[in-house]
Each structure stands twice: as C-alpha cells, then as structure tokens.
ModelCIF file with pLDDT and N, C-alpha, C, O atoms, coordinates in Angstrom:
data_MODEL
#
_entry.id   MODEL 
#
_entity.id                         1 
_entity.type                       polymer 
_entity.pdbx_number_of_molecules   1 
#
_entity_poly.entity_id                      1 
_entity_poly.type                           'polypeptide(L)' 
_entity_poly.nstd_linkage                   no 
_entity_poly.nstd_monomer                   no 
_entity_poly.pdbx_seq_one_letter_code       
;(UNK)(UNK)(UNK)(UNK)(UNK)(UNK)(UNK)(UNK)(UNK)(UNK)(UNK)(UNK)(UNK)(UNK)(UNK)(UNK)
(UNK)(UNK)(UNK)(UNK)(UNK)(UNK)(UNK)(UNK)(UNK)(UNK)(UNK)(UNK)(UNK)(UNK)(UNK)(UNK)
(UNK)(UNK)(UNK)(UNK)(UNK)(UNK)(UNK)(UNK)(UNK)(UNK)(UNK)(UNK)(UNK)(UNK)(UNK)
;
_entity_poly.pdbx_seq_one_letter_code_can   XXXXXXXXXXXXXXXXXXXXXXXXXXXXXXXXXXXXXXXXXXXXXXX 
_entity_poly.pdbx_strand_id                 A 
#
loop_
_entity_poly_seq.entity_id 
_entity_poly_seq.num 
_entity_poly_seq.mon_id 
_entity_poly_seq.hetero 
1 1  UNK n 
1 2  UNK n 
1 3  UNK n 
1 4  UNK n 
1 5  UNK n 
1 6  UNK n 
1 7  UNK n 
1 8  UNK n 
1 9  UNK n 
1 10 UNK n 
1 11 UNK n 
1 12 UNK n 
1 13 UNK n 
1 14 UNK n 
1 15 UNK n 
1 16 UNK n 
1 17 UNK n 
1 18 UNK n 
1 19 UNK n 
1 20 UNK n 
1 21 UNK n 
1 22 UNK n 
1 23 UNK n 
1 24 UNK n 
1 25 UNK n 
1 26 UNK n 
1 27 UNK n 
1 28 UNK n 
1 29 UNK n 
1 30 UNK n 
1 31 UNK n 
1 32 UNK n 
1 33 UNK n 
1 34 UNK n 
1 35 UNK n 
1 36 UNK n 
1 37 UNK n 
1 38 UNK n 
1 39 UNK n 
1 40 UNK n 
1 41 UNK n 
1 42 UNK n 
1 43 UNK n 
1 44 UNK n 
1 45 UNK n 
1 46 UNK n 
1 47 UNK n 
#
_struct_asym.id          A 
_struct_asym.entity_id   1 
#
loop_
_ma_qa_metric.id 
_ma_qa_metric.mode 
_ma_qa_metric.name 
_ma_qa_metric.software_group_id 
_ma_qa_metric.type 
1 global pLDDT . pLDDT 
2 local  pLDDT . pLDDT 
#
_ma_qa_metric_global.metric_id      1 
_ma_qa_metric_global.metric_value   95.32 
_ma_qa_metric_global.model_id       1 
_ma_qa_metric_global.ordinal_id     1 
#
loop_
_ma_qa_metric_local.label_asym_id 
_ma_qa_metric_local.label_comp_id 
_ma_qa_metric_local.label_seq_id 
_ma_qa_metric_local.metric_id 
_ma_qa_metric_local.metric_value 
_ma_qa_metric_local.model_id 
_ma_qa_metric_local.ordinal_id 
A UNK 1  2 97.00 1 1  
A UNK 2  2 96.00 1 2  
A UNK 3  2 96.00 1 3  
A UNK 4  2 94.00 1 4  
A UNK 5  2 95.00 1 5  
A UNK 6  2 96.00 1 6  
A UNK 7  2 96.00 1 7  
A UNK 8  2 97.00 1 8  
A UNK 9  2 97.00 1 9  
A UNK 10 2 98.00 1 10 
A UNK 11 2 98.00 1 11 
A UNK 12 2 98.00 1 12 
A UNK 13 2 98.00 1 13 
A UNK 14 2 98.00 1 14 
A UNK 15 2 98.00 1 15 
A UNK 16 2 98.00 1 16 
A UNK 17 2 98.00 1 17 
A UNK 18 2 97.00 1 18 
A UNK 19 2 97.00 1 19 
A UNK 20 2 98.00 1 20 
A UNK 21 2 98.00 1 21 
A UNK 22 2 98.00 1 22 
A UNK 23 2 98.00 1 23 
A UNK 24 2 98.00 1 24 
A UNK 25 2 98.00 1 25 
A UNK 26 2 98.00 1 26 
A UNK 27 2 98.00 1 27 
A UNK 28 2 96.00 1 28 
A UNK 29 2 94.00 1 29 
A UNK 30 2 91.00 1 30 
A UNK 31 2 87.00 1 31 
A UNK 32 2 85.00 1 32 
A UNK 33 2 89.00 1 33 
A UNK 34 2 88.00 1 34 
A UNK 35 2 88.00 1 35 
A UNK 36 2 90.00 1 36 
A UNK 37 2 93.00 1 37 
A UNK 38 2 93.00 1 38 
A UNK 39 2 94.00 1 39 
A UNK 40 2 95.00 1 40 
A UNK 41 2 96.00 1 41 
A UNK 42 2 96.00 1 42 
A UNK 43 2 96.00 1 43 
A UNK 44 2 95.00 1 44 
A UNK 45 2 96.00 1 45 
A UNK 46 2 95.00 1 46 
A UNK 47 2 97.00 1 47 
#
loop_
_atom_site.group_PDB 
_atom_site.id 
_atom_site.type_symbol 
_atom_site.label_atom_id 
_atom_site.label_alt_id 
_atom_site.label_comp_id 
_atom_site.label_asym_id 
_atom_site.label_entity_id 
_atom_site.label_seq_id 
_atom_site.pdbx_PDB_ins_code 
_atom_site.Cartn_x 
_atom_site.Cartn_y 
_atom_site.Cartn_z 
_atom_site.occupancy 
_atom_site.B_iso_or_equiv 
_atom_site.pdbx_formal_charge 
_atom_site.auth_seq_id 
_atom_site.auth_comp_id 
_atom_site.auth_asym_id 
_atom_site.auth_atom_id 
_atom_site.pdbx_PDB_model_num 
ATOM 1   N N  . UNK A 1 1  ? -0.112  4.627   -6.802  1.00 97.00 ? 1  UNK A N  1 
ATOM 2   C CA . UNK A 1 1  ? 0.592   4.466   -8.070  1.00 97.00 ? 1  UNK A CA 1 
ATOM 3   C C  . UNK A 1 1  ? 2.020   4.030   -7.772  1.00 97.00 ? 1  UNK A C  1 
ATOM 4   O O  . UNK A 1 1  ? 2.492   4.141   -6.641  1.00 97.00 ? 1  UNK A O  1 
ATOM 5   N N  . UNK A 1 2  ? 2.694   3.536   -8.792  1.00 96.00 ? 2  UNK A N  1 
ATOM 6   C CA . UNK A 1 2  ? 4.081   3.114   -8.610  1.00 96.00 ? 2  UNK A CA 1 
ATOM 7   C C  . UNK A 1 2  ? 4.917   3.527   -9.808  1.00 96.00 ? 2  UNK A C  1 
ATOM 8   O O  . UNK A 1 2  ? 4.425   3.638   -10.931 1.00 96.00 ? 2  UNK A O  1 
ATOM 9   N N  . UNK A 1 3  ? 6.192   3.751   -9.537  1.00 96.00 ? 3  UNK A N  1 
ATOM 10  C CA . UNK A 1 3  ? 7.177   4.041   -10.574 1.00 96.00 ? 3  UNK A CA 1 
ATOM 11  C C  . UNK A 1 3  ? 8.227   2.954   -10.468 1.00 96.00 ? 3  UNK A C  1 
ATOM 12  O O  . UNK A 1 3  ? 9.119   3.028   -9.622  1.00 96.00 ? 3  UNK A O  1 
ATOM 13  N N  . UNK A 1 4  ? 8.130   1.962   -11.307 1.00 94.00 ? 4  UNK A N  1 
ATOM 14  C CA . UNK A 1 4  ? 9.030   0.813   -11.197 1.00 94.00 ? 4  UNK A CA 1 
ATOM 15  C C  . UNK A 1 4  ? 10.476  1.181   -11.520 1.00 94.00 ? 4  UNK A C  1 
ATOM 16  O O  . UNK A 1 4  ? 11.400  0.513   -11.055 1.00 94.00 ? 4  UNK A O  1 
ATOM 17  N N  . UNK A 1 5  ? 10.680  2.214   -12.295 1.00 95.00 ? 5  UNK A N  1 
ATOM 18  C CA . UNK A 1 5  ? 12.047  2.647   -12.597 1.00 95.00 ? 5  UNK A CA 1 
ATOM 19  C C  . UNK A 1 5  ? 12.741  3.223   -11.364 1.00 95.00 ? 5  UNK A C  1 
ATOM 20  O O  . UNK A 1 5  ? 13.968  3.226   -11.275 1.00 95.00 ? 5  UNK A O  1 
ATOM 21  N N  . UNK A 1 6  ? 11.951  3.704   -10.426 1.00 96.00 ? 6  UNK A N  1 
ATOM 22  C CA . UNK A 1 6  ? 12.486  4.301   -9.202  1.00 96.00 ? 6  UNK A CA 1 
ATOM 23  C C  . UNK A 1 6  ? 12.220  3.453   -7.964  1.00 96.00 ? 6  UNK A C  1 
ATOM 24  O O  . UNK A 1 6  ? 12.496  3.884   -6.844  1.00 96.00 ? 6  UNK A O  1 
ATOM 25  N N  . UNK A 1 7  ? 11.684  2.247   -8.160  1.00 96.00 ? 7  UNK A N  1 
ATOM 26  C CA . UNK A 1 7  ? 11.369  1.378   -7.014  1.00 96.00 ? 7  UNK A CA 1 
ATOM 27  C C  . UNK A 1 7  ? 10.532  2.118   -5.969  1.00 96.00 ? 7  UNK A C  1 
ATOM 28  O O  . UNK A 1 7  ? 10.773  1.994   -4.768  1.00 96.00 ? 7  UNK A O  1 
ATOM 29  N N  . UNK A 1 8  ? 9.571   2.870   -6.428  1.00 97.00 ? 8  UNK A N  1 
ATOM 30  C CA . UNK A 1 8  ? 8.823   3.741   -5.532  1.00 97.00 ? 8  UNK A CA 1 
ATOM 31  C C  . UNK A 1 8  ? 7.323   3.568   -5.732  1.00 97.00 ? 8  UNK A C  1 
ATOM 32  O O  . UNK A 1 8  ? 6.832   3.411   -6.850  1.00 97.00 ? 8  UNK A O  1 
ATOM 33  N N  . UNK A 1 9  ? 6.629   3.601   -4.630  1.00 97.00 ? 9  UNK A N  1 
ATOM 34  C CA . UNK A 1 9  ? 5.172   3.581   -4.628  1.00 97.00 ? 9  UNK A CA 1 
ATOM 35  C C  . UNK A 1 9  ? 4.692   4.872   -3.984  1.00 97.00 ? 9  UNK A C  1 
ATOM 36  O O  . UNK A 1 9  ? 5.298   5.364   -3.033  1.00 97.00 ? 9  UNK A O  1 
ATOM 37  N N  . UNK A 1 10 ? 3.608   5.413   -4.505  1.00 98.00 ? 10 UNK A N  1 
ATOM 38  C CA . UNK A 1 10 ? 3.065   6.666   -4.003  1.00 98.00 ? 10 UNK A CA 1 
ATOM 39  C C  . UNK A 1 10 ? 1.634   6.473   -3.522  1.00 98.00 ? 10 UNK A C  1 
ATOM 40  O O  . UNK A 1 10 ? 0.901   5.616   -4.017  1.00 98.00 ? 10 UNK A O  1 
ATOM 41  N N  . UNK A 1 11 ? 1.259   7.285   -2.554  1.00 98.00 ? 11 UNK A N  1 
ATOM 42  C CA . UNK A 1 11 ? -0.134  7.371   -2.143  1.00 98.00 ? 11 UNK A CA 1 
ATOM 43  C C  . UNK A 1 11 ? -0.489  8.849   -2.125  1.00 98.00 ? 11 UNK A C  1 
ATOM 44  O O  . UNK A 1 11 ? -0.086  9.584   -1.224  1.00 98.00 ? 11 UNK A O  1 
ATOM 45  N N  . UNK A 1 12 ? -1.241  9.274   -3.123  1.00 98.00 ? 12 UNK A N  1 
ATOM 46  C CA . UNK A 1 12 ? -1.689  10.654  -3.208  1.00 98.00 ? 12 UNK A CA 1 
ATOM 47  C C  . UNK A 1 12 ? -3.017  10.767  -2.481  1.00 98.00 ? 12 UNK A C  1 
ATOM 48  O O  . UNK A 1 12 ? -3.982  10.079  -2.815  1.00 98.00 ? 12 UNK A O  1 
ATOM 49  N N  . UNK A 1 13 ? -3.056  11.628  -1.501  1.00 98.00 ? 13 UNK A N  1 
ATOM 50  C CA . UNK A 1 13 ? -4.252  11.773  -0.669  1.00 98.00 ? 13 UNK A CA 1 
ATOM 51  C C  . UNK A 1 13 ? -4.794  13.182  -0.825  1.00 98.00 ? 13 UNK A C  1 
ATOM 52  O O  . UNK A 1 13 ? -4.073  14.160  -0.631  1.00 98.00 ? 13 UNK A O  1 
ATOM 53  N N  . UNK A 1 14 ? -6.061  13.278  -1.173  1.00 98.00 ? 14 UNK A N  1 
ATOM 54  C CA . UNK A 1 14 ? -6.690  14.594  -1.287  1.00 98.00 ? 14 UNK A CA 1 
ATOM 55  C C  . UNK A 1 14 ? -7.950  14.613  -0.436  1.00 98.00 ? 14 UNK A C  1 
ATOM 56  O O  . UNK A 1 14 ? -8.433  13.585  0.038   1.00 98.00 ? 14 UNK A O  1 
ATOM 57  N N  . UNK A 1 15 ? -8.462  15.832  -0.263  1.00 98.00 ? 15 UNK A N  1 
ATOM 58  C CA . UNK A 1 15 ? -9.653  16.020  0.564   1.00 98.00 ? 15 UNK A CA 1 
ATOM 59  C C  . UNK A 1 15 ? -9.512  15.276  1.894   1.00 98.00 ? 15 UNK A C  1 
ATOM 60  O O  . UNK A 1 15 ? -10.397 14.525  2.304   1.00 98.00 ? 15 UNK A O  1 
ATOM 61  N N  . UNK A 1 16 ? -8.384  15.504  2.547   1.00 98.00 ? 16 UNK A N  1 
ATOM 62  C CA . UNK A 1 16 ? -8.104  14.802  3.797   1.00 98.00 ? 16 UNK A CA 1 
ATOM 63  C C  . UNK A 1 16 ? -9.133  15.156  4.863   1.00 98.00 ? 16 UNK A C  1 
ATOM 64  O O  . UNK A 1 16 ? -9.664  16.266  4.914   1.00 98.00 ? 16 UNK A O  1 
ATOM 65  N N  . UNK A 1 17 ? -9.393  14.164  5.714   1.00 98.00 ? 17 UNK A N  1 
ATOM 66  C CA . UNK A 1 17 ? -10.333 14.311  6.813   1.00 98.00 ? 17 UNK A CA 1 
ATOM 67  C C  . UNK A 1 17 ? -9.620  14.005  8.128   1.00 98.00 ? 17 UNK A C  1 
ATOM 68  O O  . UNK A 1 17 ? -8.619  13.289  8.131   1.00 98.00 ? 17 UNK A O  1 
ATOM 69  N N  . UNK A 1 18 ? -10.113 14.531  9.233   1.00 97.00 ? 18 UNK A N  1 
ATOM 70  C CA . UNK A 1 18 ? -9.489  14.202  10.525  1.00 97.00 ? 18 UNK A CA 1 
ATOM 71  C C  . UNK A 1 18 ? -9.418  12.696  10.771  1.00 97.00 ? 18 UNK A C  1 
ATOM 72  O O  . UNK A 1 18 ? -8.477  12.221  11.406  1.00 97.00 ? 18 UNK A O  1 
ATOM 73  N N  . UNK A 1 19 ? -10.374 11.959  10.289  1.00 97.00 ? 19 UNK A N  1 
ATOM 74  C CA . UNK A 1 19 ? -10.353 10.500  10.488  1.00 97.00 ? 19 UNK A CA 1 
ATOM 75  C C  . UNK A 1 19 ? -9.291  9.794   9.651   1.00 97.00 ? 19 UNK A C  1 
ATOM 76  O O  . UNK A 1 19 ? -9.109  8.583   9.783   1.00 97.00 ? 19 UNK A O  1 
ATOM 77  N N  . UNK A 1 20 ? -8.595  10.521  8.802   1.00 98.00 ? 20 UNK A N  1 
ATOM 78  C CA . UNK A 1 20 ? -7.454  9.956   8.083   1.00 98.00 ? 20 UNK A CA 1 
ATOM 79  C C  . UNK A 1 20 ? -6.191  9.983   8.919   1.00 98.00 ? 20 UNK A C  1 
ATOM 80  O O  . UNK A 1 20 ? -5.169  9.429   8.515   1.00 98.00 ? 20 UNK A O  1 
ATOM 81  N N  . UNK A 1 21 ? -6.246  10.618  10.076  1.00 98.00 ? 21 UNK A N  1 
ATOM 82  C CA . UNK A 1 21 ? -5.086  10.692  10.953  1.00 98.00 ? 21 UNK A CA 1 
ATOM 83  C C  . UNK A 1 21 ? -4.660  9.294   11.382  1.00 98.00 ? 21 UNK A C  1 
ATOM 84  O O  . UNK A 1 21 ? -5.458  8.527   11.922  1.00 98.00 ? 21 UNK A O  1 
ATOM 85  N N  . UNK A 1 22 ? -3.396  8.974   11.137  1.00 98.00 ? 22 UNK A N  1 
ATOM 86  C CA . UNK A 1 22 ? -2.873  7.642   11.442  1.00 98.00 ? 22 UNK A CA 1 
ATOM 87  C C  . UNK A 1 22 ? -1.399  7.592   11.068  1.00 98.00 ? 22 UNK A C  1 
ATOM 88  O O  . UNK A 1 22 ? -0.870  8.503   10.432  1.00 98.00 ? 22 UNK A O  1 
ATOM 89  N N  . UNK A 1 23 ? -0.759  6.526   11.469  1.00 98.00 ? 23 UNK A N  1 
ATOM 90  C CA . UNK A 1 23 ? 0.546   6.190   10.918  1.00 98.00 ? 23 UNK A CA 1 
ATOM 91  C C  . UNK A 1 23 ? 0.299   5.353   9.669   1.00 98.00 ? 23 UNK A C  1 
ATOM 92  O O  . UNK A 1 23 ? -0.424  4.357   9.712   1.00 98.00 ? 23 UNK A O  1 
ATOM 93  N N  . UNK A 1 24 ? 0.891   5.754   8.582   1.00 98.00 ? 24 UNK A N  1 
ATOM 94  C CA . UNK A 1 24 ? 0.706   5.074   7.308   1.00 98.00 ? 24 UNK A CA 1 
ATOM 95  C C  . UNK A 1 24 ? 1.920   4.199   7.021   1.00 98.00 ? 24 UNK A C  1 
ATOM 96  O O  . UNK A 1 24 ? 3.066   4.641   7.108   1.00 98.00 ? 24 UNK A O  1 
ATOM 97  N N  . UNK A 1 25 ? 1.638   2.956   6.679   1.00 98.00 ? 25 UNK A N  1 
ATOM 98  C CA . UNK A 1 25 ? 2.676   1.963   6.427   1.00 98.00 ? 25 UNK A CA 1 
ATOM 99  C C  . UNK A 1 25 ? 2.609   1.469   4.982   1.00 98.00 ? 25 UNK A C  1 
ATOM 100 O O  . UNK A 1 25 ? 1.536   1.253   4.420   1.00 98.00 ? 25 UNK A O  1 
ATOM 101 N N  . UNK A 1 26 ? 3.773   1.303   4.421   1.00 98.00 ? 26 UNK A N  1 
ATOM 102 C CA . UNK A 1 26 ? 3.924   0.646   3.139   1.00 98.00 ? 26 UNK A CA 1 
ATOM 103 C C  . UNK A 1 26 ? 4.243   -0.819  3.408   1.00 98.00 ? 26 UNK A C  1 
ATOM 104 O O  . UNK A 1 26 ? 5.022   -1.131  4.309   1.00 98.00 ? 26 UNK A O  1 
ATOM 105 N N  . UNK A 1 27 ? 3.653   -1.707  2.639   1.00 98.00 ? 27 UNK A N  1 
ATOM 106 C CA . UNK A 1 27 ? 3.876   -3.137  2.820   1.00 98.00 ? 27 UNK A CA 1 
ATOM 107 C C  . UNK A 1 27 ? 4.093   -3.783  1.460   1.00 98.00 ? 27 UNK A C  1 
ATOM 108 O O  . UNK A 1 27 ? 3.570   -3.316  0.448   1.00 98.00 ? 27 UNK A O  1 
ATOM 109 N N  . UNK A 1 28 ? 4.860   -4.849  1.446   1.00 96.00 ? 28 UNK A N  1 
ATOM 110 C CA . UNK A 1 28 ? 5.167   -5.528  0.195   1.00 96.00 ? 28 UNK A CA 1 
ATOM 111 C C  . UNK A 1 28 ? 5.194   -7.034  0.392   1.00 96.00 ? 28 UNK A C  1 
ATOM 112 O O  . UNK A 1 28 ? 5.467   -7.539  1.481   1.00 96.00 ? 28 UNK A O  1 
ATOM 113 N N  . UNK A 1 29 ? 4.906   -7.726  -0.686  1.00 94.00 ? 29 UNK A N  1 
ATOM 114 C CA . UNK A 1 29 ? 5.039   -9.180  -0.688  1.00 94.00 ? 29 UNK A CA 1 
ATOM 115 C C  . UNK A 1 29 ? 5.578   -9.607  -2.040  1.00 94.00 ? 29 UNK A C  1 
ATOM 116 O O  . UNK A 1 29 ? 5.372   -8.937  -3.052  1.00 94.00 ? 29 UNK A O  1 
ATOM 117 N N  . UNK A 1 30 ? 6.261   -10.718 -2.035  1.00 91.00 ? 30 UNK A N  1 
ATOM 118 C CA . UNK A 1 30 ? 6.771   -11.276 -3.285  1.00 91.00 ? 30 UNK A CA 1 
ATOM 119 C C  . UNK A 1 30 ? 5.604   -11.916 -4.031  1.00 91.00 ? 30 UNK A C  1 
ATOM 120 O O  . UNK A 1 30 ? 4.873   -12.741 -3.483  1.00 91.00 ? 30 UNK A O  1 
ATOM 121 N N  . UNK A 1 31 ? 5.448   -11.523 -5.274  1.00 87.00 ? 31 UNK A N  1 
ATOM 122 C CA . UNK A 1 31 ? 4.319   -12.007 -6.060  1.00 87.00 ? 31 UNK A CA 1 
ATOM 123 C C  . UNK A 1 31 ? 3.696   -10.815 -6.721  1.00 87.00 ? 31 UNK A C  1 
ATOM 124 O O  . UNK A 1 31 ? 3.338   -9.858  -6.035  1.00 87.00 ? 31 UNK A O  1 
ATOM 125 N N  . UNK A 1 32 ? 3.552   -10.829 -8.022  1.00 85.00 ? 32 UNK A N  1 
ATOM 126 C CA . UNK A 1 32 ? 3.241   -9.600  -8.751  1.00 85.00 ? 32 UNK A CA 1 
ATOM 127 C C  . UNK A 1 32 ? 1.784   -9.163  -8.747  1.00 85.00 ? 32 UNK A C  1 
ATOM 128 O O  . UNK A 1 32 ? 1.494   -7.996  -9.014  1.00 85.00 ? 32 UNK A O  1 
ATOM 129 N N  . UNK A 1 33 ? 0.874   -10.060 -8.453  1.00 89.00 ? 33 UNK A N  1 
ATOM 130 C CA . UNK A 1 33 ? -0.530  -9.734  -8.684  1.00 89.00 ? 33 UNK A CA 1 
ATOM 131 C C  . UNK A 1 33 ? -1.280  -9.436  -7.385  1.00 89.00 ? 33 UNK A C  1 
ATOM 132 O O  . UNK A 1 33 ? -0.863  -9.820  -6.292  1.00 89.00 ? 33 UNK A O  1 
ATOM 133 N N  . UNK A 1 34 ? -2.408  -8.733  -7.552  1.00 88.00 ? 34 UNK A N  1 
ATOM 134 C CA . UNK A 1 34 ? -3.346  -8.575  -6.460  1.00 88.00 ? 34 UNK A CA 1 
ATOM 135 C C  . UNK A 1 34 ? -4.073  -9.886  -6.244  1.00 88.00 ? 34 UNK A C  1 
ATOM 136 O O  . UNK A 1 34 ? -4.485  -10.542 -7.200  1.00 88.00 ? 34 UNK A O  1 
ATOM 137 N N  . UNK A 1 35 ? -4.226  -10.260 -5.004  1.00 88.00 ? 35 UNK A N  1 
ATOM 138 C CA . UNK A 1 35 ? -4.987  -11.449 -4.650  1.00 88.00 ? 35 UNK A CA 1 
ATOM 139 C C  . UNK A 1 35 ? -6.036  -11.011 -3.653  1.00 88.00 ? 35 UNK A C  1 
ATOM 140 O O  . UNK A 1 35 ? -5.756  -10.821 -2.469  1.00 88.00 ? 35 UNK A O  1 
ATOM 141 N N  . UNK A 1 36 ? -7.253  -10.852 -4.154  1.00 90.00 ? 36 UNK A N  1 
ATOM 142 C CA . UNK A 1 36 ? -8.318  -10.375 -3.281  1.00 90.00 ? 36 UNK A CA 1 
ATOM 143 C C  . UNK A 1 36 ? -9.123  -11.556 -2.745  1.00 90.00 ? 36 UNK A C  1 
ATOM 144 O O  . UNK A 1 36 ? -9.399  -12.503 -3.481  1.00 90.00 ? 36 UNK A O  1 
ATOM 145 N N  . UNK A 1 37 ? -9.499  -11.507 -1.475  1.00 93.00 ? 37 UNK A N  1 
ATOM 146 C CA . UNK A 1 37 ? -9.334  -10.402 -0.518  1.00 93.00 ? 37 UNK A CA 1 
ATOM 147 C C  . UNK A 1 37 ? -8.009  -10.397 0.243   1.00 93.00 ? 37 UNK A C  1 
ATOM 148 O O  . UNK A 1 37 ? -7.776  -9.507  1.061   1.00 93.00 ? 37 UNK A O  1 
ATOM 149 N N  . UNK A 1 38 ? -7.136  -11.377 -0.013  1.00 93.00 ? 38 UNK A N  1 
ATOM 150 C CA . UNK A 1 38 ? -5.918  -11.491 0.799   1.00 93.00 ? 38 UNK A CA 1 
ATOM 151 C C  . UNK A 1 38 ? -5.076  -10.231 0.759   1.00 93.00 ? 38 UNK A C  1 
ATOM 152 O O  . UNK A 1 38 ? -4.428  -9.895  1.751   1.00 93.00 ? 38 UNK A O  1 
ATOM 153 N N  . UNK A 1 39 ? -5.069  -9.520  -0.371  1.00 94.00 ? 39 UNK A N  1 
ATOM 154 C CA . UNK A 1 39 ? -4.233  -8.326  -0.483  1.00 94.00 ? 39 UNK A CA 1 
ATOM 155 C C  . UNK A 1 39 ? -4.674  -7.196  0.429   1.00 94.00 ? 39 UNK A C  1 
ATOM 156 O O  . UNK A 1 39 ? -3.974  -6.189  0.537   1.00 94.00 ? 39 UNK A O  1 
ATOM 157 N N  . UNK A 1 40 ? -5.797  -7.335  1.075   1.00 95.00 ? 40 UNK A N  1 
ATOM 158 C CA . UNK A 1 40 ? -6.271  -6.319  2.020   1.00 95.00 ? 40 UNK A CA 1 
ATOM 159 C C  . UNK A 1 40 ? -5.921  -6.670  3.465   1.00 95.00 ? 40 UNK A C  1 
ATOM 160 O O  . UNK A 1 40 ? -6.283  -5.933  4.382   1.00 95.00 ? 40 UNK A O  1 
ATOM 161 N N  . UNK A 1 41 ? -5.231  -7.772  3.676   1.00 96.00 ? 41 UNK A N  1 
ATOM 162 C CA . UNK A 1 41 ? -4.982  -8.268  5.029   1.00 96.00 ? 41 UNK A CA 1 
ATOM 163 C C  . UNK A 1 41 ? -3.507  -8.172  5.387   1.00 96.00 ? 41 UNK A C  1 
ATOM 164 O O  . UNK A 1 41 ? -2.665  -8.629  4.614   1.00 96.00 ? 41 UNK A O  1 
ATOM 165 N N  . UNK A 1 42 ? -3.165  -7.591  6.537   1.00 96.00 ? 42 UNK A N  1 
ATOM 166 C CA . UNK A 1 42 ? -1.754  -7.427  6.914   1.00 96.00 ? 42 UNK A CA 1 
ATOM 167 C C  . UNK A 1 42 ? -0.918  -8.713  6.884   1.00 96.00 ? 42 UNK A C  1 
ATOM 168 O O  . UNK A 1 42 ? 0.228   -8.659  6.437   1.00 96.00 ? 42 UNK A O  1 
ATOM 169 N N  . UNK A 1 43 ? -1.427  -9.855  7.332   1.00 96.00 ? 43 UNK A N  1 
ATOM 170 C CA . UNK A 1 43 ? -0.567  -11.055 7.314   1.00 96.00 ? 43 UNK A CA 1 
ATOM 171 C C  . UNK A 1 43 ? -0.121  -11.487 5.915   1.00 96.00 ? 43 UNK A C  1 
ATOM 172 O O  . UNK A 1 43 ? 0.803   -12.290 5.784   1.00 96.00 ? 43 UNK A O  1 
ATOM 173 N N  . UNK A 1 44 ? -0.759  -10.970 4.885   1.00 95.00 ? 44 UNK A N  1 
ATOM 174 C CA . UNK A 1 44 ? -0.364  -11.315 3.522   1.00 95.00 ? 44 UNK A CA 1 
ATOM 175 C C  . UNK A 1 44 ? 1.012   -10.769 3.176   1.00 95.00 ? 44 UNK A C  1 
ATOM 176 O O  . UNK A 1 44 ? 1.688   -11.297 2.293   1.00 95.00 ? 44 UNK A O  1 
ATOM 177 N N  . UNK A 1 45 ? 1.424   -9.727  3.860   1.00 96.00 ? 45 UNK A N  1 
ATOM 178 C CA . UNK A 1 45 ? 2.645   -9.008  3.515   1.00 96.00 ? 45 UNK A CA 1 
ATOM 179 C C  . UNK A 1 45 ? 3.798   -9.388  4.436   1.00 96.00 ? 45 UNK A C  1 
ATOM 180 O O  . UNK A 1 45 ? 3.648   -9.490  5.654   1.00 96.00 ? 45 UNK A O  1 
ATOM 181 N N  . UNK A 1 46 ? 4.939   -9.591  3.817   1.00 95.00 ? 46 UNK A N  1 
ATOM 182 C CA . UNK A 1 46 ? 6.134   -10.024 4.543   1.00 95.00 ? 46 UNK A CA 1 
ATOM 183 C C  . UNK A 1 46 ? 7.041   -8.870  4.928   1.00 95.00 ? 46 UNK A C  1 
ATOM 184 O O  . UNK A 1 46 ? 7.866   -9.007  5.832   1.00 95.00 ? 46 UNK A O  1 
ATOM 185 N N  . UNK A 1 47 ? 6.903   -7.747  4.263   1.00 97.00 ? 47 UNK A N  1 
ATOM 186 C CA . UNK A 1 47 ? 7.831   -6.642  4.467   1.00 97.00 ? 47 UNK A CA 1 
ATOM 187 C C  . UNK A 1 47 ? 7.042   -5.357  4.744   1.00 97.00 ? 47 UNK A C  1 
ATOM 188 O O  . UNK A 1 47 ? 7.637   -4.299  4.946   1.00 97.00 ? 47 UNK A O  1 
#
C-alpha cells in the first residue's frame, strides 16, 4: 500500500515463513502505472 501524502510505501507481511528471510528492497520508476510483466523485473526500476 502507499500513502501519497507521506511519500511512503508499505509492505505488510503476515504469516511469515523462514523462506521469507531476505533483504527487502524498495524500488521506484518514473511512470505512474503498472506495466506487466515489466513491473516484476529489476531492470525496470531506476531507483
């Protein structure tokens, strides 16, 4: 979810599993819409 008034994006995670262990990264790109499948690929994001 996101709160545009606070320039913040959230990831609420429940029922965590050991396989969720990782470093979690936030990524952004200029352009307002989801573009599938590109939005699932790291090179799509500039920041």
